[in-house]
Amino acid sequence: MEDTNGNGILDVWDRKQLFILDLEDGNEWPLYPEFNAGWGGIDWSLDGEWIYLSMSRMAWSGGTDIYRMHPDGSGIENLTVGIEKRLGPAGTVRKFVSDVGVSHDGEWIAFLYSPRQGETTVGVTTTKSRIAVCRIDGTEAQFITDGGTLPSKKRGAWHAGDFDPEFSPDGQEIVFSRMTDSGMNGELSSFDIMQCRTDGTNLRRLTSDRDPAGKGIPDWAEDGRIIYMVIDARDSYVGPEVMSADGSTVRRYPEARGTHFRWVPG
């Protein structure tokens, strides 16, 4: 919306505002302009009644929470208020939570979590991010990943860790992306697409080992396929790949250039 960090360009670190676009009648409208909205993307409940996203009240607040609301802006709820007291570690004063995914039954959310153990004016995390899950009311919060083996430091645009969780249609598994040190694609490090059960067990990598491409923002279709973005400096490909849930079949779609892809329910 505006160059709030003063670096002369509009980028991900500037203030963002949530808009709703009705594809049937072409109308669009903003919601909650006082929030910096949409860190790590936006998810809908399967019935279209709720929008889930990470927001903060200031562009550089150093902390975020995951909210949900109806498309008309009513019923807004903070789902992760105080969750740092349950996930820790001790001494956490703020947290960066984003990349929210909601289960198909609407009972659980999965999200990126990184604690902040001191006051800061920087609105992004400096610690390794992990994937956590909790019920919609914030209870039963638990980590399901450890962020991987890379050291906790910045590599390209982001710090090391796990990102972009999404539930399987049956709610039993999570697909997510994990930073690796296999290559660089501009400012984006290499990433693998990973999968585990919602209790963190049965962790496995779905994409090829030591692939230098950046792969992330996966989404899981009702028929079991997984779509995710690929940024590959080797052939300048920026677009989607679609794989089977076990990673055995992978297909690129070069006609669909872009970085964020979602399945349309139905």
Protein backbone atom coordinates (compact mmCIF):
# COMPACT_ATOMS: atom_id res chain seq x y z
CA MET A 1 0.00 0.00 0.00
CA GLU A 2 2.88 2.41 0.74
CA ASP A 3 6.65 2.49 1.19
CA THR A 4 6.52 2.19 4.98
CA ASN A 5 10.15 1.09 5.38
CA GLY A 6 11.47 3.98 3.26
CA ASN A 7 13.66 1.99 0.89
CA GLY A 8 12.14 3.60 -2.21
CA ILE A 9 10.26 0.57 -3.53
CA LEU A 10 7.15 -1.45 -2.69
CA ASP A 11 8.16 -4.88 -1.41
CA VAL A 12 7.07 -7.59 1.03
CA TRP A 13 8.30 -5.60 4.05
CA ASP A 14 5.92 -2.68 3.39
CA ARG A 15 2.40 -2.37 4.78
CA LYS A 16 -0.08 -4.69 3.10
CA GLN A 17 -3.86 -4.53 3.17
CA LEU A 18 -6.41 -7.31 2.80
CA PHE A 19 -8.84 -6.99 -0.13
CA ILE A 20 -11.70 -9.30 -1.07
CA LEU A 21 -12.53 -9.78 -4.75
CA ASP A 22 -15.91 -11.23 -5.71
CA LEU A 23 -15.33 -12.98 -9.04
CA GLU A 24 -19.05 -13.27 -9.79
CA ASP A 25 -19.87 -9.56 -9.79
CA GLY A 26 -16.37 -8.05 -10.02
CA ASN A 27 -16.70 -6.06 -6.80
CA GLU A 28 -13.79 -5.73 -4.39
CA TRP A 29 -13.48 -4.19 -0.96
CA PRO A 30 -10.76 -3.67 1.70
CA LEU A 31 -10.89 -4.98 5.25
CA TYR A 32 -9.20 -3.64 8.38
CA PRO A 33 -6.90 -0.96 6.93
CA GLU A 34 -5.34 -0.45 10.37
CA PHE A 35 -3.63 -3.86 10.06
CA ASN A 36 -0.55 -4.86 8.09
CA ALA A 37 -2.17 -7.95 6.61
CA GLY A 38 -1.30 -11.14 4.80
CA TRP A 39 2.14 -12.18 6.03
CA GLY A 40 2.79 -15.56 4.44
CA GLY A 41 -0.39 -15.61 2.40
CA ILE A 42 -4.10 -16.11 3.02
CA ASP A 43 -6.22 -19.24 3.37
CA TRP A 44 -9.98 -19.81 3.11
CA SER A 45 -12.07 -22.32 4.96
CA LEU A 46 -13.40 -24.95 2.58
CA ASP A 47 -16.96 -23.61 2.90
CA GLY A 48 -15.85 -20.04 2.10
CA GLU A 49 -17.18 -18.68 5.37
CA TRP A 50 -13.82 -17.75 6.93
CA ILE A 51 -10.59 -16.07 5.84
CA TYR A 52 -7.38 -16.90 7.74
CA LEU A 53 -4.27 -14.73 7.67
CA SER A 54 -1.38 -13.30 9.68
CA MET A 55 -1.66 -9.61 10.62
CA SER A 56 -0.05 -6.98 12.82
CA ARG A 57 -1.22 -3.51 13.79
CA MET A 58 2.01 -1.85 12.60
CA ALA A 59 4.18 -2.38 9.51
CA TRP A 60 7.27 -2.95 11.68
CA SER A 61 5.73 -4.21 14.89
CA GLY A 62 8.06 -7.17 15.43
CA GLY A 63 5.12 -9.46 16.15
CA THR A 64 2.14 -10.96 14.36
CA ASP A 65 -0.92 -13.04 15.13
CA ILE A 66 -3.17 -15.25 13.03
CA TYR A 67 -6.73 -14.00 12.70
CA ARG A 68 -9.86 -15.20 11.04
CA MET A 69 -12.89 -13.24 9.84
CA HIS A 70 -15.85 -13.51 7.51
CA PRO A 71 -15.48 -12.04 4.00
CA ASP A 72 -17.62 -9.04 5.03
CA GLY A 73 -15.20 -8.33 7.89
CA SER A 74 -17.48 -9.52 10.68
CA GLY A 75 -16.59 -12.01 13.39
CA ILE A 76 -12.88 -11.18 13.57
CA GLU A 77 -10.97 -13.42 16.01
CA ASN A 78 -7.33 -13.55 17.09
CA LEU A 79 -6.50 -17.28 17.07
CA THR A 80 -2.92 -17.15 18.38
CA VAL A 81 -3.05 -14.54 21.14
CA GLY A 82 -0.84 -15.80 23.96
CA ILE A 83 0.24 -18.91 22.07
CA GLU A 84 3.89 -18.02 22.75
CA LYS A 85 3.21 -18.90 26.39
CA ARG A 86 2.32 -22.42 25.29
CA LEU A 87 4.97 -22.90 22.61
CA GLY A 88 7.77 -20.90 24.26
CA PRO A 89 10.62 -20.85 24.86
CA ALA A 90 10.68 -19.11 28.23
CA GLY A 91 11.35 -15.42 27.88
CA THR A 92 9.49 -15.02 24.60
CA VAL A 93 7.93 -11.55 24.49
CA ARG A 94 6.64 -11.60 20.92
CA LYS A 95 6.32 -14.07 18.12
CA PHE A 96 6.24 -14.12 14.35
CA VAL A 97 3.45 -16.41 13.13
CA SER A 98 2.41 -16.61 9.49
CA ASP A 99 1.96 -19.00 6.54
CA VAL A 100 -1.33 -20.25 7.93
CA GLY A 101 -3.16 -23.28 6.55
CA VAL A 102 -6.56 -24.48 7.76
CA SER A 103 -7.70 -28.09 7.85
CA HIS A 104 -10.53 -29.10 5.55
CA ASP A 105 -12.82 -29.76 8.50
CA GLY A 106 -12.11 -26.28 9.89
CA GLU A 107 -10.96 -27.60 13.28
CA TRP A 108 -7.19 -27.00 13.09
CA ILE A 109 -4.64 -24.53 11.76
CA ALA A 110 -0.99 -25.09 10.87
CA PHE A 111 1.42 -22.18 10.81
CA LEU A 112 5.00 -20.97 10.83
CA TYR A 113 6.16 -20.04 14.33
CA SER A 114 9.31 -18.21 15.40
CA PRO A 115 9.78 -16.72 18.87
CA ARG A 116 11.16 -13.27 19.62
CA GLN A 117 12.98 -13.00 22.94
CA GLY A 118 13.56 -9.24 23.00
CA GLU A 119 12.06 -5.96 21.90
CA THR A 120 12.67 -5.19 18.23
CA THR A 121 11.62 -2.76 15.55
CA VAL A 122 12.11 -5.30 12.78
CA GLY A 123 8.94 -6.97 11.56
CA VAL A 124 10.57 -10.24 10.49
CA THR A 125 12.02 -13.12 12.39
CA THR A 126 15.72 -13.66 13.05
CA THR A 127 15.36 -17.18 14.43
CA LYS A 128 14.72 -20.49 12.73
CA SER A 129 11.05 -20.99 11.88
CA ARG A 130 9.21 -24.20 12.72
CA ILE A 131 5.78 -25.57 11.84
CA ALA A 132 3.22 -25.80 14.63
CA VAL A 133 -0.43 -26.78 14.80
CA CYS A 134 -3.27 -25.93 17.15
CA ARG A 135 -7.02 -26.08 17.32
CA ILE A 136 -9.01 -23.10 16.07
CA ASP A 137 -9.38 -21.85 19.65
CA GLY A 138 -5.59 -21.95 20.19
CA THR A 139 -5.58 -25.04 22.40
CA GLU A 140 -3.49 -28.19 21.91
CA ALA A 141 -0.67 -26.16 20.37
CA GLN A 142 2.40 -28.20 19.52
CA PHE A 143 5.42 -28.15 17.22
CA ILE A 144 5.54 -30.75 14.49
CA THR A 145 8.89 -29.81 12.85
CA ASP A 146 12.30 -28.69 14.10
CA GLY A 147 13.20 -26.32 11.24
CA GLY A 148 15.77 -28.62 9.64
CA THR A 149 19.54 -28.88 10.02
CA LEU A 150 20.69 -25.53 8.60
CA PRO A 151 22.11 -23.01 11.08
CA SER A 152 19.73 -20.32 12.26
CA LYS A 153 20.80 -17.49 10.00
CA LYS A 154 19.64 -15.64 6.92
CA ARG A 155 20.19 -17.24 3.54
CA GLY A 156 18.97 -15.02 0.71
CA ALA A 157 15.72 -13.23 1.53
CA TRP A 158 14.73 -15.48 4.45
CA HIS A 159 16.17 -17.13 7.53
CA ALA A 160 16.56 -20.90 7.63
CA GLY A 161 13.62 -23.02 8.67
CA ASP A 162 10.29 -24.50 7.63
CA PHE A 163 7.53 -22.61 5.79
CA ASP A 164 4.16 -22.84 4.04
CA PRO A 165 2.24 -25.67 5.79
CA GLU A 166 -0.97 -27.08 4.30
CA PHE A 167 -3.17 -29.96 5.44
CA SER A 168 -3.98 -33.07 3.47
CA PRO A 169 -7.71 -33.41 2.63
CA ASP A 170 -8.18 -35.99 5.41
CA GLY A 171 -6.39 -33.76 7.94
CA GLN A 172 -3.85 -36.45 8.83
CA GLU A 173 -0.75 -35.02 7.17
CA ILE A 174 1.00 -31.71 6.49
CA VAL A 175 2.96 -30.66 3.42
CA PHE A 176 5.46 -27.80 3.83
CA SER A 177 8.69 -26.33 2.43
CA ARG A 178 12.12 -26.51 4.08
CA MET A 179 15.12 -24.34 3.24
CA THR A 180 18.26 -26.16 2.04
CA ASP A 181 21.76 -25.05 1.07
CA SER A 182 21.78 -26.74 -2.36
CA GLY A 183 21.62 -23.53 -4.42
CA MET A 184 20.48 -19.94 -4.84
CA ASN A 185 17.88 -18.56 -7.24
CA GLY A 186 18.36 -14.82 -7.08
CA GLU A 187 17.42 -13.90 -3.52
CA LEU A 188 15.63 -17.22 -2.95
CA SER A 189 17.50 -20.13 -1.44
CA SER A 190 16.82 -23.70 -2.47
CA PHE A 191 13.86 -25.39 -0.76
CA ASP A 192 12.53 -28.93 -0.60
CA ILE A 193 8.88 -29.96 -0.35
CA MET A 194 8.43 -32.05 2.80
CA GLN A 195 5.62 -34.08 4.31
CA CYS A 196 4.84 -35.40 7.79
CA ARG A 197 1.92 -36.49 9.90
CA THR A 198 0.14 -33.90 12.02
CA ASP A 199 1.93 -35.21 15.11
CA GLY A 200 5.32 -34.69 13.42
CA THR A 201 6.04 -38.36 12.73
CA ASN A 202 6.84 -39.97 9.37
CA LEU A 203 8.84 -36.99 8.08
CA ARG A 204 9.93 -37.39 4.46
CA ARG A 205 11.17 -35.33 1.53
CA LEU A 206 9.00 -35.43 -1.61
CA THR A 207 11.24 -33.52 -4.03
CA SER A 208 14.61 -34.62 -5.42
CA ASP A 209 17.59 -34.66 -3.07
CA ARG A 210 20.04 -31.73 -3.40
CA ASP A 211 17.93 -29.96 -6.03
CA PRO A 212 19.17 -26.32 -6.23
CA ALA A 213 15.76 -24.91 -7.23
CA GLY A 214 13.56 -22.99 -4.83
CA LYS A 215 10.28 -24.84 -4.23
CA GLY A 216 7.55 -23.70 -1.87
CA ILE A 217 4.00 -22.54 -1.11
CA PRO A 218 2.45 -26.00 -1.63
CA ASP A 219 -1.28 -26.63 -1.71
CA TRP A 220 -2.99 -30.03 -1.44
CA ALA A 221 -5.94 -30.84 -3.72
CA GLU A 222 -8.94 -32.93 -2.74
CA ASP A 223 -7.84 -35.60 -5.25
CA GLY A 224 -4.44 -35.94 -3.53
CA ARG A 225 -2.22 -33.93 -5.88
CA ILE A 226 0.13 -31.25 -4.54
CA ILE A 227 0.90 -28.02 -6.41
CA TYR A 228 3.80 -25.75 -5.47
CA MET A 229 5.87 -22.97 -6.99
CA VAL A 230 9.33 -23.45 -8.50
CA ILE A 231 11.98 -20.78 -9.06
CA ASP A 232 14.91 -22.37 -10.90
CA ALA A 233 17.89 -20.26 -11.94
CA ARG A 234 19.25 -23.05 -14.15
CA ASP A 235 16.58 -22.62 -16.83
CA SER A 236 14.86 -19.41 -15.57
CA TYR A 237 11.67 -21.35 -14.86
CA VAL A 238 9.25 -19.53 -12.57
CA GLY A 239 6.00 -21.46 -12.38
CA PRO A 240 4.10 -24.40 -10.91
CA GLU A 241 4.88 -28.06 -10.51
CA VAL A 242 2.24 -30.65 -9.67
CA MET A 243 3.11 -33.94 -8.01
CA SER A 244 1.31 -36.96 -6.66
CA ALA A 245 1.06 -37.11 -2.87
CA ASP A 246 3.97 -39.58 -2.69
CA GLY A 247 6.17 -37.48 -4.99
CA SER A 248 6.35 -40.19 -7.66
CA THR A 249 4.93 -38.13 -10.54
CA VAL A 250 5.96 -34.52 -11.21
CA ARG A 251 4.81 -32.26 -14.03
CA ARG A 252 5.62 -28.65 -14.89
CA TYR A 253 3.19 -26.23 -16.55
CA PRO A 254 5.37 -23.68 -18.41
CA GLU A 255 2.30 -21.81 -19.69
CA ALA A 256 1.33 -20.84 -16.12
CA ARG A 257 4.07 -18.44 -15.06
CA GLY A 258 3.97 -17.17 -11.49
CA THR A 259 4.80 -17.95 -7.88
CA HIS A 260 1.62 -18.50 -5.83
CA PHE A 261 -0.82 -21.24 -6.83
CA ARG A 262 -3.97 -22.58 -5.15
CA TRP A 263 -6.44 -25.30 -5.99
CA VAL A 264 -10.05 -24.23 -6.47
CA PRO A 265 -12.25 -26.51 -4.31
CA GLY A 266 -14.87 -28.46 -6.15
